[in-house]
């Protein structure tokens, strides 16, 4: 059986933790941040857990992570 190719865009956006959870960086951090409040900026620094509906898809696209 041939090897499965990893979807590179997905591999760059999602990381698997040691316990097997999938973490995702919050979006919208690049530019146009000056108009946002300090609270929003601080919240964007944290990674968030991927919601249950997306976990199966991410695992399928990144088989070797």
PDB file of N, CA and C in Angstrom:
ATOM      1  N   UNK A   1       0.843  -1.187   0.000  1.00  0.00           N
ATOM      2  CA  UNK A   1       0.000   0.000   0.000  1.00  0.00           C
ATOM      3  C   UNK A   1       0.887   1.249   0.000  1.00  0.00           C
ATOM      4  N   UNK A   2       0.574   2.233  -0.873  1.00  0.00           N
ATOM      5  CA  UNK A   2       1.434   3.418  -0.947  1.00  0.00           C
ATOM      6  C   UNK A   2       1.281   4.324   0.271  1.00  0.00           C
ATOM      7  N   UNK A   3       2.300   5.168   0.462  1.00  0.00           N
ATOM      8  CA  UNK A   3       2.260   6.118   1.561  1.00  0.00           C
ATOM      9  C   UNK A   3       1.232   7.206   1.261  1.00  0.00           C
ATOM     10  N   UNK A   4       0.679   7.785   2.312  1.00  0.00           N
ATOM     11  CA  UNK A   4      -0.302   8.865   2.164  1.00  0.00           C
ATOM     12  C   UNK A   4       0.440  10.184   2.208  1.00  0.00           C
ATOM     13  N   UNK A   5       0.117  11.078   1.286  1.00  0.00           N
ATOM     14  CA  UNK A   5       0.768  12.381   1.283  1.00  0.00           C
ATOM     15  C   UNK A   5       0.164  13.270   2.370  1.00  0.00           C
ATOM     16  N   UNK A   6       1.037  14.015   3.045  1.00  0.00           N
ATOM     17  CA  UNK A   6       0.606  14.972   4.060  1.00  0.00           C
ATOM     18  C   UNK A   6       0.169  16.254   3.375  1.00  0.00           C
ATOM     19  N   UNK A   7      -0.957  16.790   3.778  1.00  0.00           N
ATOM     20  CA  UNK A   7      -1.432  18.073   3.263  1.00  0.00           C
ATOM     21  C   UNK A   7      -0.637  19.165   3.972  1.00  0.00           C
ATOM     22  N   UNK A   8       0.279  19.804   3.241  1.00  0.00           N
ATOM     23  CA  UNK A   8       1.265  20.695   3.855  1.00  0.00           C
ATOM     24  C   UNK A   8       0.642  21.934   4.487  1.00  0.00           C
ATOM     25  N   UNK A   9      -0.410  22.476   3.886  1.00  0.00           N
ATOM     26  CA  UNK A   9      -1.053  23.664   4.464  1.00  0.00           C
ATOM     27  C   UNK A   9      -1.654  23.338   5.825  1.00  0.00           C
ATOM     28  N   UNK A  10      -2.230  22.150   5.951  1.00  0.00           N
ATOM     29  CA  UNK A  10      -2.801  21.726   7.228  1.00  0.00           C
ATOM     30  C   UNK A  10      -1.696  21.471   8.248  1.00  0.00           C
ATOM     31  N   UNK A  11      -0.608  20.864   7.819  1.00  0.00           N
ATOM     32  CA  UNK A  11       0.498  20.558   8.724  1.00  0.00           C
ATOM     33  C   UNK A  11       1.102  21.824   9.313  1.00  0.00           C
ATOM     34  N   UNK A  12       1.096  22.917   8.556  1.00  0.00           N
ATOM     35  CA  UNK A  12       1.658  24.179   9.040  1.00  0.00           C
ATOM     36  C   UNK A  12       0.732  24.872  10.037  1.00  0.00           C
ATOM     37  N   UNK A  13      -0.559  24.643   9.941  1.00  0.00           N
ATOM     38  CA  UNK A  13      -1.535  25.369  10.755  1.00  0.00           C
ATOM     39  C   UNK A  13      -1.921  24.663  12.045  1.00  0.00           C
ATOM     40  N   UNK A  14      -1.751  23.357  12.106  1.00  0.00           N
ATOM     41  CA  UNK A  14      -2.194  22.579  13.261  1.00  0.00           C
ATOM     42  C   UNK A  14      -1.035  21.794  13.844  1.00  0.00           C
ATOM     43  N   UNK A  15      -0.978  21.714  15.182  1.00  0.00           N
ATOM     44  CA  UNK A  15       0.052  20.938  15.861  1.00  0.00           C
ATOM     45  C   UNK A  15      -0.627  19.961  16.822  1.00  0.00           C
ATOM     46  N   UNK A  16      -0.051  18.767  16.937  1.00  0.00           N
ATOM     47  CA  UNK A  16      -0.578  17.764  17.856  1.00  0.00           C
ATOM     48  C   UNK A  16       0.233  17.828  19.140  1.00  0.00           C
ATOM     49  N   UNK A  17      -0.451  17.908  20.275  1.00  0.00           N
ATOM     50  CA  UNK A  17       0.221  17.973  21.574  1.00  0.00           C
ATOM     51  C   UNK A  17       0.636  16.574  22.015  1.00  0.00           C
ATOM     52  N   UNK A  18       1.323  16.510  23.111  1.00  0.00           N
ATOM     53  CA  UNK A  18       1.776  15.222  23.638  1.00  0.00           C
ATOM     54  C   UNK A  18       0.633  14.313  24.047  1.00  0.00           C
ATOM     55  N   UNK A  19      -0.486  14.903  24.475  1.00  0.00           N
ATOM     56  CA  UNK A  19      -1.637  14.090  24.882  1.00  0.00           C
ATOM     57  C   UNK A  19      -2.547  13.738  23.710  1.00  0.00           C
ATOM     58  N   UNK A  20      -2.218  14.233  22.505  1.00  0.00           N
ATOM     59  CA  UNK A  20      -2.995  13.885  21.318  1.00  0.00           C
ATOM     60  C   UNK A  20      -4.010  14.927  20.898  1.00  0.00           C
ATOM     61  N   UNK A  21      -4.109  16.028  21.649  1.00  0.00           N
ATOM     62  CA  UNK A  21      -5.024  17.101  21.256  1.00  0.00           C
ATOM     63  C   UNK A  21      -4.434  17.867  20.075  1.00  0.00           C
ATOM     64  N   UNK A  22      -5.301  18.485  19.301  1.00  0.00           N
ATOM     65  CA  UNK A  22      -4.849  19.282  18.173  1.00  0.00           C
ATOM     66  C   UNK A  22      -5.047  20.751  18.513  1.00  0.00           C
ATOM     67  N   UNK A  23      -3.960  21.534  18.389  1.00  0.00           N
ATOM     68  CA  UNK A  23      -3.999  22.963  18.696  1.00  0.00           C
ATOM     69  C   UNK A  23      -3.890  23.761  17.407  1.00  0.00           C
ATOM     70  N   UNK A  24      -4.495  24.956  17.435  1.00  0.00           N
ATOM     71  CA  UNK A  24      -4.523  25.809  16.261  1.00  0.00           C
ATOM     72  C   UNK A  24      -4.250  27.246  16.691  1.00  0.00           C
ATOM     73  N   UNK A  25      -3.439  27.947  15.926  1.00  0.00           N
ATOM     74  CA  UNK A  25      -3.147  29.350  16.202  1.00  0.00           C
ATOM     75  C   UNK A  25      -4.342  30.192  15.762  1.00  0.00           C
ATOM     76  N   UNK A  26      -4.664  31.212  16.552  1.00  0.00           N
ATOM     77  CA  UNK A  26      -5.770  32.086  16.185  1.00  0.00           C
ATOM     78  C   UNK A  26      -5.399  32.921  14.970  1.00  0.00           C
ATOM     79  N   UNK A  27      -6.363  33.204  14.132  1.00  0.00           N
ATOM     80  CA  UNK A  27      -6.110  33.944  12.905  1.00  0.00           C
ATOM     81  C   UNK A  27      -6.118  35.440  13.104  1.00  0.00           C
ATOM     82  N   UNK A  28      -5.757  36.169  12.054  1.00  0.00           N
ATOM     83  CA  UNK A  28      -5.828  37.625  12.056  1.00  0.00           C
ATOM     84  C   UNK A  28      -4.769  38.298  12.888  1.00  0.00           C
ATOM     85  N   UNK A  29      -3.553  37.782  12.889  1.00  0.00           N
ATOM     86  CA  UNK A  29      -2.493  38.373  13.697  1.00  0.00           C
ATOM     87  C   UNK A  29      -1.495  39.171  12.869  1.00  0.00           C
ATOM     88  N   UNK A  30      -1.632  39.149  11.566  1.00  0.00           N
ATOM     89  CA  UNK A  30      -0.607  39.719  10.697  1.00  0.00           C
ATOM     90  C   UNK A  30      -0.566  41.244  10.689  1.00  0.00           C
ATOM     91  N   UNK A  31      -1.666  41.846  10.290  1.00  0.00           N
ATOM     92  CA  UNK A  31      -1.687  43.306  10.191  1.00  0.00           C
ATOM     93  C   UNK A  31      -3.073  43.822  10.522  1.00  0.00           C
ATOM     94  N   UNK A  32      -3.220  45.156  10.552  1.00  0.00           N
ATOM     95  CA  UNK A  32      -4.452  45.844  10.968  1.00  0.00           C
ATOM     96  C   UNK A  32      -4.776  45.556  12.429  1.00  0.00           C
ATOM     97  N   UNK A  33      -3.760  45.462  13.261  1.00  0.00           N
ATOM     98  CA  UNK A  33      -3.970  45.154  14.674  1.00  0.00           C
ATOM     99  C   UNK A  33      -4.021  46.390  15.551  1.00  0.00           C
ATOM    100  N   UNK A  34      -3.665  47.547  14.999  1.00  0.00           N
ATOM    101  CA  UNK A  34      -3.601  48.755  15.831  1.00  0.00           C
ATOM    102  C   UNK A  34      -4.981  49.186  16.305  1.00  0.00           C
ATOM    103  N   UNK A  35      -6.013  48.884  15.535  1.00  0.00           N
ATOM    104  CA  UNK A  35      -7.360  49.300  15.924  1.00  0.00           C
ATOM    105  C   UNK A  35      -8.003  48.371  16.959  1.00  0.00           C
ATOM    106  N   UNK A  36      -7.361  47.236  17.223  1.00  0.00           N
ATOM    107  CA  UNK A  36      -7.935  46.288  18.173  1.00  0.00           C
ATOM    108  C   UNK A  36      -7.567  46.669  19.603  1.00  0.00           C
ATOM    109  N   UNK A  37      -8.395  46.234  20.524  1.00  0.00           N
ATOM    110  CA  UNK A  37      -8.130  46.516  21.930  1.00  0.00           C
ATOM    111  C   UNK A  37      -6.995  45.624  22.426  1.00  0.00           C
ATOM    112  N   UNK A  38      -6.429  45.990  23.557  1.00  0.00           N
ATOM    113  CA  UNK A  38      -5.361  45.192  24.146  1.00  0.00           C
ATOM    114  C   UNK A  38      -5.824  43.807  24.523  1.00  0.00           C
ATOM    115  N   UNK A  39      -7.077  43.704  24.932  1.00  0.00           N
ATOM    116  CA  UNK A  39      -7.635  42.400  25.302  1.00  0.00           C
ATOM    117  C   UNK A  39      -7.628  41.447  24.111  1.00  0.00           C
ATOM    118  N   UNK A  40      -8.049  41.950  22.964  1.00  0.00           N
ATOM    119  CA  UNK A  40      -8.083  41.125  21.758  1.00  0.00           C
ATOM    120  C   UNK A  40      -6.682  40.682  21.358  1.00  0.00           C
ATOM    121  N   UNK A  41      -5.733  41.592  21.426  1.00  0.00           N
ATOM    122  CA  UNK A  41      -4.350  41.283  21.076  1.00  0.00           C
ATOM    123  C   UNK A  41      -3.789  40.192  21.978  1.00  0.00           C
ATOM    124  N   UNK A  42      -4.042  40.287  23.268  1.00  0.00           N
ATOM    125  CA  UNK A  42      -3.558  39.270  24.210  1.00  0.00           C
ATOM    126  C   UNK A  42      -4.214  37.914  23.946  1.00  0.00           C
ATOM    127  N   UNK A  43      -5.493  37.922  23.626  1.00  0.00           N
ATOM    128  CA  UNK A  43      -6.194  36.660  23.379  1.00  0.00           C
ATOM    129  C   UNK A  43      -5.688  35.964  22.119  1.00  0.00           C
ATOM    130  N   UNK A  44      -5.222  36.741  21.162  1.00  0.00           N
ATOM    131  CA  UNK A  44      -4.716  36.157  19.919  1.00  0.00           C
ATOM    132  C   UNK A  44      -3.359  35.487  20.092  1.00  0.00           C
ATOM    133  N   UNK A  45      -2.670  35.774  21.181  1.00  0.00           N
ATOM    134  CA  UNK A  45      -1.369  35.155  21.407  1.00  0.00           C
ATOM    135  C   UNK A  45      -1.496  33.689  21.785  1.00  0.00           C
ATOM    136  N   UNK A  46      -2.639  33.290  22.299  1.00  0.00           N
ATOM    137  CA  UNK A  46      -2.829  31.916  22.759  1.00  0.00           C
ATOM    138  C   UNK A  46      -3.283  31.013  21.621  1.00  0.00           C
ATOM    139  N   UNK A  47      -2.878  29.747  21.699  1.00  0.00           N
ATOM    140  CA  UNK A  47      -3.399  28.753  20.770  1.00  0.00           C
ATOM    141  C   UNK A  47      -4.728  28.258  21.313  1.00  0.00           C
ATOM    142  N   UNK A  48      -5.556  27.744  20.436  1.00  0.00           N
ATOM    143  CA  UNK A  48      -6.842  27.220  20.881  1.00  0.00           C
ATOM    144  C   UNK A  48      -6.985  25.770  20.432  1.00  0.00           C
ATOM    145  N   UNK A  49      -7.849  25.033  21.114  1.00  0.00           N
ATOM    146  CA  UNK A  49      -8.141  23.659  20.719  1.00  0.00           C
ATOM    147  C   UNK A  49      -9.029  23.668  19.488  1.00  0.00           C
ATOM    148  N   UNK A  50      -8.832  22.671  18.635  1.00  0.00           N
ATOM    149  CA  UNK A  50      -9.671  22.528  17.450  1.00  0.00           C
ATOM    150  C   UNK A  50     -10.995  21.907  17.884  1.00  0.00           C
ATOM    151  N   UNK A  51     -12.095  22.401  17.344  1.00  0.00           N
ATOM    152  CA  UNK A  51     -13.392  21.856  17.745  1.00  0.00           C
ATOM    153  C   UNK A  51     -13.591  20.452  17.178  1.00  0.00           C
ATOM    154  N   UNK A  52     -14.457  19.684  17.830  1.00  0.00           N
ATOM    155  CA  UNK A  52     -14.589  18.243  17.559  1.00  0.00           C
ATOM    156  C   UNK A  52     -14.873  17.909  16.096  1.00  0.00           C
ATOM    157  N   UNK A  53     -15.661  18.739  15.420  1.00  0.00           N
ATOM    158  CA  UNK A  53     -16.033  18.445  14.039  1.00  0.00           C
ATOM    159  C   UNK A  53     -14.867  18.476  13.074  1.00  0.00           C
ATOM    160  N   UNK A  54     -13.790  19.165  13.443  1.00  0.00           N
ATOM    161  CA  UNK A  54     -12.647  19.321  12.543  1.00  0.00           C
ATOM    162  C   UNK A  54     -11.515  18.345  12.843  1.00  0.00           C
ATOM    163  N   UNK A  55     -11.548  17.700  14.003  1.00  0.00           N
ATOM    164  CA  UNK A  55     -10.450  16.826  14.425  1.00  0.00           C
ATOM    165  C   UNK A  55     -10.242  15.679  13.448  1.00  0.00           C
ATOM    166  N   UNK A  56     -11.309  15.048  13.034  1.00  0.00           N
ATOM    167  CA  UNK A  56     -11.220  13.896  12.133  1.00  0.00           C
ATOM    168  C   UNK A  56     -10.585  14.300  10.799  1.00  0.00           C
ATOM    169  N   UNK A  57     -10.968  15.458  10.281  1.00  0.00           N
ATOM    170  CA  UNK A  57     -10.435  15.951   9.010  1.00  0.00           C
ATOM    171  C   UNK A  57      -8.952  16.252   9.116  1.00  0.00           C
ATOM    172  N   UNK A  58      -8.558  16.921  10.192  1.00  0.00           N
ATOM    173  CA  UNK A  58      -7.146  17.278  10.384  1.00  0.00           C
ATOM    174  C   UNK A  58      -6.290  16.020  10.498  1.00  0.00           C
ATOM    175  N   UNK A  59      -6.753  15.033  11.232  1.00  0.00           N
ATOM    176  CA  UNK A  59      -5.990  13.792  11.395  1.00  0.00           C
ATOM    177  C   UNK A  59      -5.850  13.049  10.077  1.00  0.00           C
ATOM    178  N   UNK A  60      -6.866  13.125   9.247  1.00  0.00           N
ATOM    179  CA  UNK A  60      -6.804  12.466   7.938  1.00  0.00           C
ATOM    180  C   UNK A  60      -5.808  13.162   7.012  1.00  0.00           C
ATOM    181  N   UNK A  61      -5.737  14.488   7.093  1.00  0.00           N
ATOM    182  CA  UNK A  61      -4.849  15.256   6.226  1.00  0.00           C
ATOM    183  C   UNK A  61      -3.392  15.228   6.684  1.00  0.00           C
ATOM    184  N   UNK A  62      -3.166  14.975   7.967  1.00  0.00           N
ATOM    185  CA  UNK A  62      -1.792  14.886   8.499  1.00  0.00           C
ATOM    186  C   UNK A  62      -1.585  13.518   9.148  1.00  0.00           C
ATOM    187  N   UNK A  63      -1.401  12.476   8.352  1.00  0.00           N
ATOM    188  CA  UNK A  63      -1.363  11.121   8.901  1.00  0.00           C
ATOM    189  C   UNK A  63      -0.134  10.808   9.745  1.00  0.00           C
ATOM    190  N   UNK A  64       0.975  11.518   9.551  1.00  0.00           N
ATOM    191  CA  UNK A  64       2.224  11.135  10.237  1.00  0.00           C
ATOM    192  C   UNK A  64       2.608  12.112  11.349  1.00  0.00           C
ATOM    193  N   UNK A  65       1.670  12.943  11.788  1.00  0.00           N
ATOM    194  CA  UNK A  65       2.009  13.904  12.842  1.00  0.00           C
ATOM    195  C   UNK A  65       1.678  13.361  14.211  1.00  0.00           C
TER     196      UNK A  65
END
